[in-house]
Protein backbone atom coordinates (compact mmCIF):
# COMPACT_ATOMS: atom_id res chain seq x y z
CA MET A 1 72.26 -10.67 7.85
CA THR A 2 74.81 -9.66 5.26
CA LYS A 3 73.90 -7.22 2.59
CA THR A 4 74.31 -8.10 -1.04
CA THR A 5 74.72 -5.52 -3.74
CA ASP A 6 71.57 -6.54 -5.62
CA THR A 7 69.25 -6.26 -2.57
CA ASP A 8 67.14 -3.10 -2.36
CA PRO A 9 67.58 -1.55 1.13
CA ARG A 10 63.87 -0.76 1.23
CA GLU A 11 62.95 -4.36 0.53
CA GLU A 12 65.48 -5.52 3.11
CA MET A 13 63.95 -3.27 5.82
CA ALA A 14 60.46 -4.44 4.89
CA HIS A 15 61.67 -8.04 5.17
CA LEU A 16 63.27 -7.35 8.57
CA ILE A 17 60.11 -5.73 9.92
CA GLY A 18 58.13 -8.68 8.57
CA ARG A 19 60.38 -11.06 10.54
CA ILE A 20 59.88 -8.96 13.67
CA GLY A 21 56.11 -9.02 13.21
CA SER A 22 55.77 -12.69 12.37
CA ASP A 23 58.45 -14.31 14.55
CA GLY A 24 59.45 -11.67 17.10
CA ASP A 25 62.94 -11.98 15.60
CA MET A 26 65.28 -10.11 17.96
CA GLU A 27 68.19 -10.13 15.49
CA ALA A 28 65.99 -8.46 12.86
CA PHE A 29 64.89 -5.89 15.42
CA GLU A 30 68.52 -5.14 16.33
CA GLN A 31 69.27 -4.45 12.66
CA VAL A 32 66.26 -2.17 12.30
CA PHE A 33 67.19 -0.44 15.56
CA ARG A 34 70.79 0.14 14.41
CA ALA A 35 69.54 1.51 11.08
CA PHE A 36 66.78 3.77 12.41
CA GLY A 37 67.57 4.52 16.06
CA PRO A 38 70.13 7.25 15.34
CA ARG A 39 68.01 8.74 12.55
CA VAL A 40 64.90 8.88 14.75
CA ARG A 41 66.96 10.39 17.62
CA ALA A 42 68.31 13.11 15.28
CA TYR A 43 64.79 13.79 14.00
CA MET A 44 63.48 14.11 17.57
CA MET A 45 66.40 16.34 18.55
CA ARG A 46 65.45 18.78 15.78
CA LEU A 47 61.88 18.84 17.11
CA VAL A 48 62.30 18.90 20.88
CA ARG A 49 65.84 20.31 21.35
CA ASP A 50 66.25 18.28 24.52
CA PRO A 51 68.65 15.30 24.38
CA GLN A 52 66.88 13.34 27.12
CA ALA A 53 63.43 13.85 25.60
CA ALA A 54 64.77 12.98 22.14
CA GLU A 55 66.29 9.77 23.51
CA GLU A 56 63.05 8.81 25.28
CA LEU A 57 60.96 9.49 22.18
CA MET A 58 63.38 7.45 20.05
CA GLN A 59 63.15 4.54 22.52
CA GLU A 60 59.36 4.78 22.54
CA THR A 61 59.30 4.86 18.74
CA MET A 62 61.44 1.76 18.45
CA MET A 63 59.39 -0.10 21.07
CA THR A 64 56.27 0.76 19.08
CA VAL A 65 57.97 -0.62 15.96
CA TRP A 66 58.63 -3.83 17.91
CA ARG A 67 55.03 -4.09 19.17
CA LYS A 68 53.32 -3.13 15.91
CA ALA A 69 55.64 -4.73 13.36
CA ALA A 70 52.88 -7.16 12.35
CA GLN A 71 50.79 -4.17 11.23
CA PHE A 72 53.41 -2.96 8.74
CA ASP A 73 52.31 -3.38 5.12
CA ALA A 74 55.07 -2.93 2.54
CA GLU A 75 52.41 -2.50 -0.15
CA LYS A 76 51.24 0.74 1.49
CA GLY A 77 54.65 2.34 1.96
CA ASN A 78 58.26 1.79 2.84
CA ALA A 79 59.65 1.01 6.28
CA ALA A 80 61.25 4.44 6.79
CA THR A 81 57.97 6.23 6.14
CA TRP A 82 56.16 3.89 8.52
CA ILE A 83 58.76 4.32 11.29
CA PHE A 84 58.92 8.10 10.96
CA THR A 85 55.13 8.32 10.97
CA ILE A 86 55.17 6.47 14.29
CA ALA A 87 57.86 8.87 15.56
CA ARG A 88 55.90 11.93 14.44
CA ASN A 89 52.69 10.71 16.09
CA LEU A 90 54.49 9.94 19.34
CA ARG A 91 56.04 13.43 19.30
CA ILE A 92 52.59 14.98 18.82
CA ASP A 93 51.19 12.90 21.70
CA SER A 94 54.11 13.93 23.90
CA TYR A 95 53.60 17.59 23.06
CA ARG A 96 49.88 17.38 23.86
CA ARG A 97 50.58 15.69 27.20
CA SER A 98 53.09 18.38 28.13
CA ARG A 99 50.63 21.17 27.26
CA ARG A 100 47.75 19.68 29.24
CA PRO A 101 47.52 21.18 32.72
CA ASP A 102 47.65 18.80 35.64
CA PHE A 103 44.39 18.12 37.41
CA ASP A 104 44.16 20.23 40.56
CA PRO A 105 41.51 18.87 42.93
CA ASN A 106 41.68 22.16 44.87
CA ASP A 107 40.72 24.22 41.83
CA PRO A 108 37.68 26.30 42.85
CA ALA A 109 35.79 24.96 39.85
CA PHE A 110 35.93 21.45 41.36
CA VAL A 111 35.40 22.35 45.01
CA PRO A 112 31.73 22.41 46.00
CA ASP A 113 30.43 25.54 47.62
CA ALA A 114 30.34 25.43 51.39
CA ASP A 115 26.91 25.07 52.94
CA PRO A 116 25.58 28.47 53.97
CA THR A 117 25.75 29.31 57.63
CA ALA A 118 22.56 29.76 59.63
CA ASP A 119 22.77 33.54 59.52
CA GLN A 120 23.37 33.48 55.75
CA THR A 121 20.31 31.23 55.32
CA MET A 122 18.16 33.55 57.44
CA GLU A 123 19.43 36.62 55.56
CA ALA A 124 18.66 34.96 52.20
CA ARG A 125 15.13 34.11 53.35
CA ASP A 126 14.62 37.66 54.58
CA ASP A 127 15.85 39.03 51.22
CA GLU A 128 13.52 36.65 49.42
CA ARG A 129 10.50 37.79 51.47
CA ARG A 130 11.37 41.45 50.88
CA LEU A 131 11.72 40.85 47.13
CA HIS A 132 8.36 39.05 46.92
CA ALA A 133 6.71 41.87 48.84
CA ALA A 134 8.32 44.47 46.52
CA LEU A 135 7.16 42.51 43.46
CA GLU A 136 3.60 42.49 44.84
CA GLU A 137 3.69 46.30 45.03
CA LEU A 138 4.46 46.62 41.30
CA PRO A 139 1.66 47.32 38.86
CA PRO A 140 0.40 44.05 37.30
CA GLU A 141 1.73 44.86 33.80
CA GLN A 142 5.28 45.49 35.13
CA ARG A 143 5.17 42.33 37.25
CA ARG A 144 4.04 40.37 34.17
CA LEU A 145 6.98 41.74 32.14
CA LEU A 146 9.47 40.73 34.86
CA ASP A 147 7.89 37.27 35.09
CA LEU A 148 8.28 36.78 31.35
CA ALA A 149 11.81 38.17 31.24
CA PHE A 150 13.29 36.43 34.28
CA PHE A 151 11.18 33.41 35.11
CA ASP A 152 10.20 32.40 31.56
CA GLU A 153 13.58 33.67 30.25
CA ALA A 154 11.91 35.32 27.24
CA SER A 155 13.89 37.89 25.29
CA HIS A 156 12.61 41.46 25.09
CA SER A 157 11.65 41.01 21.43
CA GLU A 158 9.79 37.79 22.27
CA ILE A 159 7.89 39.57 25.08
CA ALA A 160 6.99 42.39 22.67
CA ARG A 161 5.65 39.87 20.18
CA ARG A 162 3.70 37.91 22.83
CA LEU A 163 2.09 41.01 24.34
CA ASP A 164 1.73 42.85 21.03
CA LEU A 165 3.72 45.83 22.34
CA PRO A 166 6.50 47.88 20.74
CA LEU A 167 9.98 46.69 21.74
CA GLY A 168 10.86 50.11 23.18
CA THR A 169 7.76 50.01 25.40
CA VAL A 170 8.76 46.60 26.77
CA LYS A 171 12.28 47.82 27.54
CA SER A 172 11.13 51.04 29.21
CA ARG A 173 8.51 49.24 31.33
CA ILE A 174 11.08 46.70 32.50
CA ARG A 175 13.43 49.58 33.36
CA LEU A 176 10.60 51.30 35.31
CA ALA A 177 9.90 48.05 37.18
CA PHE A 178 13.56 47.80 38.18
CA ASN A 179 13.63 51.39 39.35
CA ARG A 180 10.56 50.77 41.52
CA LEU A 181 12.10 47.60 42.96
CA ARG A 182 15.31 49.47 43.81
CA ALA A 183 13.34 52.25 45.49
CA THR A 184 11.22 49.76 47.46
CA LEU A 185 14.13 47.55 48.51
CA GLY A 186 16.57 50.39 49.15
CA ASP A 187 20.28 50.15 48.53
CA ARG A 188 21.57 47.36 50.81
CA SER A 189 25.36 47.46 50.62
């Protein structure tokens, strides 16, 4: 396509992109590529400072122009704005992909806990029996406070409200209950 002096370059680019979108016109795409490829590459080079990455992002941008040319609307903006918006969005996507850590199936967060061994299971049952026995030795009011705090997951202020007790009393009685449990259970290190 030869340029005439009275043709607006913006209108010409819009026309070329229209031909790409409607007919898949390879000649029109070559003209758009020659006009924008180097500009997009320079833009990417300023952003990524890596010639290979800039080249890949430019190629991806121009392929997106080829695939999405039918979506271009000259009424909404000019071709350069549309193409550089595509380039910018691809750069952002590339940056996000590079910042995302690779999935590691051996990450402890994804590896299930090993089943406890027989001796660990027996020790846990023994600890559980000892704890239940120690809880039974507590005065009923202290046992009730621990039940509310740990089994019902009530806050100290909620327990105080429920039992119509001062907040400080609730806290001190829970502390006393813990001290008694520690004394009954002993320090198992």
